N, C-alpha and C. Protein backbone atom coordinates (compact mmCIF):
# COMPACT_ATOMS: atom_id res chain seq x y z
N MET A 1 -15.44 -4.74 -39.53
CA MET A 1 -16.93 -4.88 -39.19
C MET A 1 -16.85 -6.39 -38.82
N GLU A 2 -17.53 -6.55 -37.62
CA GLU A 2 -17.84 -7.89 -37.15
C GLU A 2 -19.16 -7.96 -36.33
N VAL A 3 -19.57 -8.99 -35.99
CA VAL A 3 -20.74 -9.25 -35.20
C VAL A 3 -20.32 -9.62 -33.76
N ASP A 4 -20.88 -8.94 -32.81
CA ASP A 4 -20.82 -9.26 -31.41
C ASP A 4 -21.64 -10.42 -31.03
N PRO A 5 -21.17 -11.62 -30.72
CA PRO A 5 -21.86 -12.72 -30.59
C PRO A 5 -23.03 -12.74 -29.53
N PRO A 6 -22.68 -12.20 -28.35
CA PRO A 6 -23.78 -12.06 -27.21
C PRO A 6 -24.77 -11.28 -27.67
N THR A 7 -24.61 -10.01 -28.16
CA THR A 7 -25.66 -9.04 -28.51
C THR A 7 -26.06 -9.11 -29.92
N LYS A 8 -25.45 -9.76 -30.81
CA LYS A 8 -25.73 -9.79 -32.38
C LYS A 8 -25.73 -8.44 -33.02
N LYS A 9 -25.02 -7.54 -32.36
CA LYS A 9 -24.89 -6.17 -32.93
C LYS A 9 -23.56 -6.04 -33.73
N LEU A 10 -23.66 -5.12 -34.68
CA LEU A 10 -22.31 -4.98 -35.61
C LEU A 10 -21.51 -4.09 -34.86
N LEU A 11 -20.21 -4.39 -34.95
CA LEU A 11 -19.14 -3.73 -34.30
C LEU A 11 -18.09 -3.11 -35.57
N LEU A 12 -18.02 -1.76 -35.50
CA LEU A 12 -17.16 -1.33 -36.26
C LEU A 12 -15.87 -0.61 -35.60
N VAL A 13 -14.77 -1.23 -35.97
CA VAL A 13 -13.57 -0.66 -35.22
C VAL A 13 -12.62 0.20 -36.30
N ALA A 14 -12.48 1.57 -35.87
CA ALA A 14 -11.88 2.42 -36.79
C ALA A 14 -11.13 3.44 -35.79
N GLY A 15 -9.85 3.76 -36.09
CA GLY A 15 -9.24 4.90 -35.41
C GLY A 15 -9.05 4.50 -33.96
N GLY A 16 -8.73 3.18 -33.70
CA GLY A 16 -8.58 2.79 -32.35
C GLY A 16 -9.82 2.75 -31.52
N LYS A 17 -11.06 3.10 -32.05
CA LYS A 17 -12.29 3.15 -31.30
C LYS A 17 -13.27 2.01 -31.80
N THR A 18 -14.19 1.50 -30.98
CA THR A 18 -15.12 0.60 -31.28
C THR A 18 -16.65 1.23 -31.30
N PHE A 19 -17.32 1.14 -32.43
CA PHE A 19 -18.46 1.58 -32.31
C PHE A 19 -19.48 0.54 -32.57
N THR A 20 -20.75 0.60 -31.72
CA THR A 20 -21.69 -0.42 -31.99
C THR A 20 -23.13 0.02 -32.51
N SER A 21 -23.64 -0.81 -33.50
CA SER A 21 -24.67 -0.51 -34.13
C SER A 21 -25.98 -0.64 -33.23
N THR A 22 -27.01 0.06 -33.70
CA THR A 22 -28.29 0.01 -32.98
C THR A 22 -29.00 -1.17 -33.35
N GLY A 23 -28.81 -1.71 -34.64
CA GLY A 23 -29.71 -2.85 -35.02
C GLY A 23 -29.04 -4.14 -34.69
N VAL A 24 -29.85 -5.24 -34.78
CA VAL A 24 -29.36 -6.48 -34.45
C VAL A 24 -29.21 -7.38 -35.68
N VAL A 25 -28.27 -8.08 -35.93
CA VAL A 25 -28.10 -8.96 -37.22
C VAL A 25 -28.94 -10.22 -36.97
N PRO A 26 -29.90 -10.36 -37.87
CA PRO A 26 -30.62 -11.69 -37.93
C PRO A 26 -29.79 -12.81 -38.29
N LEU A 27 -29.67 -13.72 -37.42
CA LEU A 27 -28.71 -14.76 -37.83
C LEU A 27 -29.54 -15.98 -38.50
N SER A 28 -28.89 -16.64 -39.36
CA SER A 28 -29.46 -17.67 -40.24
C SER A 28 -30.35 -16.97 -41.24
N ALA A 29 -30.19 -15.85 -41.53
CA ALA A 29 -31.21 -15.14 -42.52
C ALA A 29 -30.21 -14.40 -43.47
N ARG A 30 -30.76 -14.22 -44.71
CA ARG A 30 -30.01 -13.23 -45.65
C ARG A 30 -29.94 -11.81 -45.16
N THR A 31 -28.79 -11.41 -45.11
CA THR A 31 -28.63 -9.99 -44.52
C THR A 31 -27.76 -9.02 -45.45
N SER A 32 -28.11 -7.84 -45.64
CA SER A 32 -27.43 -6.86 -46.38
C SER A 32 -26.65 -5.97 -45.47
N ILE A 33 -25.33 -5.80 -45.43
CA ILE A 33 -24.52 -4.79 -44.71
C ILE A 33 -23.90 -3.93 -45.80
N THR A 34 -24.04 -2.54 -45.54
CA THR A 34 -23.32 -1.55 -46.34
C THR A 34 -22.58 -0.79 -45.40
N VAL A 35 -21.38 -0.48 -45.78
CA VAL A 35 -20.47 0.43 -45.00
C VAL A 35 -20.14 1.50 -46.08
N CYS A 36 -20.37 2.87 -45.57
CA CYS A 36 -19.68 3.80 -46.41
C CYS A 36 -18.63 4.75 -45.65
N ALA A 37 -17.56 4.78 -46.11
CA ALA A 37 -16.53 5.42 -45.45
C ALA A 37 -15.69 6.38 -46.32
N THR A 38 -15.17 7.56 -45.81
CA THR A 38 -14.27 8.37 -46.49
C THR A 38 -13.05 8.16 -45.80
N GLY A 39 -11.94 8.39 -46.50
CA GLY A 39 -10.54 8.25 -46.00
C GLY A 39 -10.20 9.54 -45.26
N GLY A 40 -8.81 9.45 -44.65
CA GLY A 40 -8.32 10.42 -43.90
C GLY A 40 -8.32 10.34 -42.44
N THR A 41 -7.85 11.28 -41.67
CA THR A 41 -7.71 11.22 -40.17
C THR A 41 -9.23 11.61 -39.60
N SER A 42 -9.82 12.29 -40.33
CA SER A 42 -11.40 12.63 -40.03
C SER A 42 -12.37 11.92 -40.80
N ALA A 43 -12.19 10.54 -41.05
CA ALA A 43 -13.09 9.81 -41.75
C ALA A 43 -14.51 9.71 -41.34
N SER A 44 -15.49 9.77 -42.21
CA SER A 44 -16.78 9.67 -41.77
C SER A 44 -17.35 8.11 -42.04
N TRP A 45 -18.05 7.55 -41.14
CA TRP A 45 -18.38 6.20 -41.25
C TRP A 45 -19.81 6.11 -40.97
N THR A 46 -20.48 5.24 -41.90
CA THR A 46 -21.91 4.97 -41.83
C THR A 46 -22.22 3.64 -42.07
N VAL A 47 -23.11 2.89 -41.45
CA VAL A 47 -23.51 1.51 -41.79
C VAL A 47 -24.95 1.36 -41.71
N TRP A 48 -25.31 0.54 -42.83
CA TRP A 48 -26.65 0.31 -42.92
C TRP A 48 -26.89 -1.36 -42.83
N LEU A 49 -28.08 -1.76 -42.25
CA LEU A 49 -28.24 -3.17 -42.12
C LEU A 49 -29.64 -3.33 -42.80
N ASN A 50 -29.57 -4.11 -43.73
CA ASN A 50 -30.90 -4.39 -44.52
C ASN A 50 -31.58 -3.10 -44.96
N GLY A 51 -30.75 -2.13 -45.38
CA GLY A 51 -31.32 -0.89 -45.91
C GLY A 51 -31.75 0.17 -44.81
N VAL A 52 -31.53 -0.14 -43.59
CA VAL A 52 -31.71 0.73 -42.46
C VAL A 52 -30.37 1.19 -41.86
N ARG A 53 -30.30 2.53 -41.65
CA ARG A 53 -29.02 2.98 -41.06
C ARG A 53 -29.02 2.53 -39.41
N VAL A 54 -28.01 2.03 -39.03
CA VAL A 54 -27.84 1.46 -37.75
C VAL A 54 -26.63 2.08 -36.96
N LEU A 55 -25.86 2.75 -37.75
CA LEU A 55 -24.54 3.40 -37.19
C LEU A 55 -24.23 4.60 -37.88
N GLY A 56 -23.96 5.75 -37.32
CA GLY A 56 -23.41 6.84 -38.09
C GLY A 56 -24.37 7.76 -38.63
N PRO A 57 -24.01 8.85 -39.28
CA PRO A 57 -22.57 8.90 -39.39
C PRO A 57 -21.63 9.33 -38.08
N THR A 58 -20.63 8.77 -38.20
CA THR A 58 -19.66 8.91 -36.96
C THR A 58 -18.24 9.27 -37.68
N THR A 59 -17.29 9.91 -36.76
CA THR A 59 -16.00 10.36 -37.32
C THR A 59 -15.03 9.49 -36.52
N ALA A 60 -14.17 8.92 -37.21
CA ALA A 60 -12.85 8.26 -36.82
C ALA A 60 -11.76 8.24 -37.83
N SER A 61 -10.56 8.20 -37.49
CA SER A 61 -9.50 8.22 -38.34
C SER A 61 -9.49 6.79 -39.21
N ALA A 62 -9.28 7.03 -40.34
CA ALA A 62 -8.85 5.93 -41.26
C ALA A 62 -7.53 5.91 -41.81
N GLY A 63 -6.72 6.80 -41.17
CA GLY A 63 -5.27 6.88 -41.46
C GLY A 63 -5.11 7.88 -42.51
N THR A 64 -3.82 7.85 -42.85
CA THR A 64 -3.49 9.04 -43.91
C THR A 64 -3.27 8.36 -45.29
N THR A 65 -3.22 7.18 -45.41
CA THR A 65 -3.08 6.53 -46.73
C THR A 65 -4.46 5.96 -47.20
N GLY A 66 -4.69 5.60 -48.50
CA GLY A 66 -5.85 5.06 -48.86
C GLY A 66 -6.18 3.71 -48.39
N PHE A 67 -7.33 3.20 -48.44
CA PHE A 67 -7.74 1.95 -48.09
C PHE A 67 -6.93 0.88 -48.88
N GLY A 68 -6.20 0.00 -48.09
CA GLY A 68 -5.52 -1.06 -48.73
C GLY A 68 -5.98 -2.35 -48.69
N ARG A 69 -6.85 -2.73 -47.78
CA ARG A 69 -7.39 -4.02 -47.46
C ARG A 69 -8.84 -4.03 -46.95
N ILE A 70 -9.65 -4.96 -47.37
CA ILE A 70 -10.90 -5.24 -46.79
C ILE A 70 -10.66 -6.51 -46.17
N GLN A 71 -11.13 -6.55 -44.78
CA GLN A 71 -11.05 -7.88 -44.12
C GLN A 71 -12.41 -8.33 -43.72
N LEU A 72 -12.84 -9.59 -44.05
CA LEU A 72 -13.86 -10.08 -43.65
C LEU A 72 -13.79 -11.19 -42.65
N GLY A 73 -14.34 -11.04 -41.37
CA GLY A 73 -14.03 -11.84 -40.29
C GLY A 73 -13.01 -11.25 -39.38
N ASP A 74 -12.55 -11.84 -38.49
CA ASP A 74 -11.50 -11.32 -37.65
C ASP A 74 -10.03 -12.12 -37.61
N ASP A 75 -9.13 -11.77 -36.67
CA ASP A 75 -7.94 -12.47 -36.69
C ASP A 75 -7.88 -13.59 -35.87
N ALA A 76 -8.90 -14.02 -35.18
CA ALA A 76 -8.87 -15.12 -34.20
C ALA A 76 -8.93 -16.40 -34.99
N ASN A 77 -8.35 -17.40 -34.42
CA ASN A 77 -8.31 -18.65 -34.94
C ASN A 77 -9.70 -19.53 -34.62
N THR A 78 -10.72 -19.14 -35.39
CA THR A 78 -11.97 -19.77 -35.02
C THR A 78 -12.55 -20.37 -36.32
N THR A 79 -13.59 -21.09 -36.18
CA THR A 79 -14.22 -21.75 -37.45
C THR A 79 -15.77 -21.09 -37.54
N ALA A 80 -16.02 -20.78 -38.60
CA ALA A 80 -17.28 -20.19 -38.89
C ALA A 80 -17.72 -20.47 -40.41
N THR A 81 -18.94 -20.43 -40.63
CA THR A 81 -19.56 -20.50 -41.95
C THR A 81 -20.16 -19.17 -42.29
N VAL A 82 -19.60 -18.58 -43.28
CA VAL A 82 -20.27 -17.35 -43.98
C VAL A 82 -20.38 -17.50 -45.25
N ASN A 83 -21.58 -17.19 -45.71
CA ASN A 83 -21.93 -17.26 -47.25
C ASN A 83 -22.03 -15.89 -47.79
N PHE A 84 -21.21 -15.66 -48.89
CA PHE A 84 -21.53 -14.36 -49.56
C PHE A 84 -21.94 -14.47 -51.00
N ASP A 85 -23.19 -13.92 -51.25
CA ASP A 85 -23.74 -13.82 -52.59
C ASP A 85 -22.98 -12.82 -53.34
N ARG A 86 -22.73 -11.70 -52.89
CA ARG A 86 -22.26 -10.68 -53.50
C ARG A 86 -21.29 -9.75 -52.59
N LEU A 87 -20.10 -9.48 -53.13
CA LEU A 87 -19.12 -8.60 -52.51
C LEU A 87 -18.76 -7.46 -53.34
N LEU A 88 -19.01 -6.18 -53.19
CA LEU A 88 -18.76 -5.06 -54.07
C LEU A 88 -17.73 -4.12 -53.18
N VAL A 89 -16.65 -3.76 -53.69
CA VAL A 89 -15.74 -2.90 -53.00
C VAL A 89 -15.50 -1.91 -54.06
N SER A 90 -15.93 -0.50 -53.75
CA SER A 90 -15.70 0.54 -54.79
C SER A 90 -14.84 1.54 -54.03
N VAL A 91 -13.69 1.99 -54.70
CA VAL A 91 -12.93 2.97 -54.13
C VAL A 91 -12.94 4.27 -55.16
């Protein structure tokens, strides 16, 4: 999950596909993002932004093994400030 800077929309990358949210992330404001996913090759993905569903449910592979990592941000060598009040991961 990442934010596309030009559009300020959420991007979900799963199973080699990129899905774009319908909602725009309000920058410099407290925001709640919830991702609900099932595992497996026909995983169901749904994303809520501030309590409003903005993506899904959609189907994309999550692989054949269980989730092993949650990544916040991307792999690029960039500088950013992100504040987290709460992070809850439930499997």
